[in-house]
Amino acid sequence: MAKLTKAQREWRPGMPKKRRSTKVMFASTVLLLEAFVVFFATLAVFGLKRGEFPPAVILGIGIALSVVMVLACAVLSKPWGVGLGWILQIVLILTGIIEPMMFLVGALFGLAWWHGIRTGIRIDSEATKREREQADWNASHGDSPEAS
C-alpha cells in the first residue's frame, strides 16, 4: 500500500479542504511554460550558434535554467518564492543577449508572470473574503442547510 502524506493522515470526516492559492497555480503555469520554451530555445541556439559557443556550455546552461524553473514551482508558496520567479524572469529576458528573439519572448513571459501574480493575489483575497463571510453567515444561521 502507498504511504500516506501528512495531510492524508491528519484528515478526518467533515474537515474542510484547504484551498490552494490561485497565485501559486498561475505562477507555476507560467514557470512551467517558460521551462519548455527555454529548453526548445536551447536546442535552437545549439543548432544556430554551435561555432560561437561550446556545445556543452549551451546545453548545460539551457537545461540547467529549465530545471531551475521547474524546481522554482515548488517554492512559490514560500515568502521568497515569487522573488525567485522575478529573478528568473530577468534571466529569461537576458537570454536575448545570446539569441535576440528571446528579448521579445522574455518580455512577453514577464508580462504573463506579472499578470498571473497580480490576478492571483486579487482572486485569493476575494476567495478569503468570501470564505470569511460564509463562515460568519454559517455561525449566525447554523451550519445545517435545514436551518434556512
Protein backbone atom coordinates (compact mmCIF):
# COMPACT_ATOMS: atom_id res chain seq x y z
CA MET A 1 0.00 0.00 0.00
CA ALA A 2 1.18 3.52 -0.77
CA LYS A 3 2.49 5.68 2.04
CA LEU A 4 0.03 8.40 3.14
CA THR A 5 1.03 12.05 3.23
CA LYS A 6 0.78 14.10 6.41
CA ALA A 7 -2.41 15.79 5.16
CA GLN A 8 -3.95 12.40 4.38
CA ARG A 9 -3.05 11.01 7.82
CA GLU A 10 -4.50 14.04 9.63
CA TRP A 11 -7.74 14.14 7.60
CA ARG A 12 -10.97 13.42 9.42
CA PRO A 13 -14.54 13.29 8.04
CA GLY A 14 -16.13 16.72 7.92
CA MET A 15 -12.83 18.61 7.71
CA PRO A 16 -12.91 21.40 5.13
CA LYS A 17 -10.46 21.08 2.26
CA LYS A 18 -7.62 23.59 2.37
CA ARG A 19 -7.86 25.98 -0.56
CA ARG A 20 -4.93 26.17 -2.97
CA SER A 21 -3.54 29.56 -3.85
CA THR A 22 -4.57 30.80 -7.28
CA LYS A 23 -1.46 32.99 -7.36
CA VAL A 24 0.76 29.92 -6.93
CA MET A 25 -1.16 27.98 -9.60
CA PHE A 26 -0.87 30.85 -12.13
CA ALA A 27 2.82 31.38 -11.33
CA SER A 28 3.56 27.66 -11.62
CA THR A 29 1.86 27.54 -15.00
CA VAL A 30 3.95 30.42 -16.31
CA LEU A 31 7.20 28.92 -14.99
CA LEU A 32 6.48 25.51 -16.49
CA LEU A 33 5.68 27.04 -19.88
CA GLU A 34 8.89 29.04 -19.65
CA ALA A 35 10.86 25.89 -18.86
CA PHE A 36 9.61 24.29 -22.08
CA VAL A 37 10.39 27.42 -24.09
CA VAL A 38 13.88 27.66 -22.60
CA PHE A 39 14.53 24.01 -23.41
CA PHE A 40 13.50 24.45 -27.04
CA ALA A 41 15.37 27.77 -27.29
CA THR A 42 18.44 25.92 -26.01
CA LEU A 43 18.10 23.45 -28.85
CA ALA A 44 17.73 26.31 -31.33
CA VAL A 45 20.82 28.10 -30.01
CA PHE A 46 22.68 24.78 -30.02
CA GLY A 47 21.93 24.41 -33.73
CA LEU A 48 22.46 28.04 -34.72
CA LYS A 49 25.45 29.12 -32.63
CA ARG A 50 27.41 25.92 -32.17
CA GLY A 51 30.52 27.54 -33.70
CA GLU A 52 30.39 30.58 -31.41
CA PHE A 53 29.94 28.77 -28.08
CA PRO A 54 30.98 25.30 -26.92
CA PRO A 55 28.03 22.88 -27.23
CA ALA A 56 28.46 21.68 -23.63
CA VAL A 57 28.09 25.25 -22.34
CA ILE A 58 24.98 25.91 -24.44
CA LEU A 59 23.27 22.69 -23.39
CA GLY A 60 24.43 22.88 -19.77
CA ILE A 61 23.21 26.42 -19.16
CA GLY A 62 19.96 25.98 -21.08
CA ILE A 63 18.98 22.71 -19.45
CA ALA A 64 20.02 24.00 -16.01
CA LEU A 65 17.82 27.08 -16.45
CA SER A 66 14.89 24.86 -17.49
CA VAL A 67 15.36 22.65 -14.44
CA VAL A 68 15.61 25.66 -12.10
CA MET A 69 12.34 27.00 -13.50
CA VAL A 70 10.62 23.69 -12.86
CA LEU A 71 12.06 23.42 -9.33
CA ALA A 72 11.07 27.02 -8.57
CA CYS A 73 7.44 25.93 -8.77
CA ALA A 74 7.94 24.02 -5.52
CA VAL A 75 8.92 27.13 -3.55
CA LEU A 76 6.35 29.61 -4.85
CA SER A 77 4.32 29.35 -1.64
CA LYS A 78 7.34 30.46 0.40
CA PRO A 79 7.76 34.21 1.05
CA TRP A 80 10.81 34.41 -1.22
CA GLY A 81 9.38 32.17 -3.97
CA VAL A 82 7.80 34.94 -6.01
CA GLY A 83 11.05 36.92 -5.75
CA LEU A 84 12.89 33.94 -7.23
CA GLY A 85 10.32 33.94 -10.02
CA TRP A 86 11.03 37.60 -10.76
CA ILE A 87 14.76 36.85 -10.89
CA LEU A 88 14.06 34.05 -13.38
CA GLN A 89 12.02 36.47 -15.49
CA ILE A 90 15.01 38.82 -15.67
CA VAL A 91 17.33 35.92 -16.54
CA LEU A 92 14.95 34.85 -19.31
CA ILE A 93 14.92 38.37 -20.76
CA LEU A 94 18.72 38.49 -20.57
CA THR A 95 18.98 35.34 -22.67
CA GLY A 96 18.24 37.74 -25.51
CA ILE A 97 21.94 38.64 -25.40
CA ILE A 98 22.65 35.23 -26.93
CA GLU A 99 19.54 34.94 -29.14
CA PRO A 100 17.88 38.36 -29.78
CA MET A 101 14.38 36.87 -30.25
CA MET A 102 14.47 35.89 -26.57
CA PHE A 103 14.19 39.59 -25.62
CA LEU A 104 10.65 39.54 -27.02
CA VAL A 105 9.84 36.09 -25.64
CA GLY A 106 11.21 37.04 -22.21
CA ALA A 107 9.29 40.31 -22.16
CA LEU A 108 6.04 38.55 -23.07
CA PHE A 109 6.57 35.93 -20.37
CA GLY A 110 7.44 38.72 -17.93
CA LEU A 111 4.07 40.30 -18.68
CA ALA A 112 2.35 36.94 -18.26
CA TRP A 113 4.15 36.48 -14.91
CA TRP A 114 3.15 39.96 -13.71
CA HIS A 115 -0.47 39.44 -14.77
CA GLY A 116 -0.63 35.98 -13.18
CA ILE A 117 0.76 37.21 -9.87
CA ARG A 118 -1.45 40.31 -9.80
CA THR A 119 -4.62 38.46 -10.78
CA GLY A 120 -3.83 35.54 -8.47
CA ILE A 121 -3.42 37.86 -5.47
CA ARG A 122 -6.75 39.53 -6.27
CA ILE A 123 -8.59 36.20 -6.67
CA ASP A 124 -7.05 34.81 -3.47
CA SER A 125 -8.10 37.88 -1.46
CA GLU A 126 -11.64 37.69 -2.88
CA ALA A 127 -11.84 33.99 -2.01
CA THR A 128 -10.61 34.64 1.53
CA LYS A 129 -13.21 37.38 1.96
CA ARG A 130 -15.93 35.06 0.59
CA GLU A 131 -14.90 32.24 2.96
CA ARG A 132 -14.91 34.63 5.94
CA GLU A 133 -18.38 35.92 5.02
CA GLN A 134 -19.63 32.34 4.58
CA ALA A 135 -18.24 31.36 7.98
CA ASP A 136 -19.94 34.40 9.57
CA TRP A 137 -23.23 33.52 7.89
CA ASN A 138 -22.95 29.87 8.99
CA ALA A 139 -22.23 30.98 12.56
CA SER A 140 -25.29 33.23 12.68
CA HIS A 141 -27.68 30.88 10.82
CA GLY A 142 -26.43 27.49 11.88
CA ASP A 143 -24.28 25.12 9.85
CA SER A 144 -27.04 22.83 8.62
CA PRO A 145 -28.84 23.60 5.33
CA GLU A 146 -32.17 22.68 7.01
CA ALA A 147 -31.90 25.71 9.30
CA SER A 148 -32.74 28.13 6.47
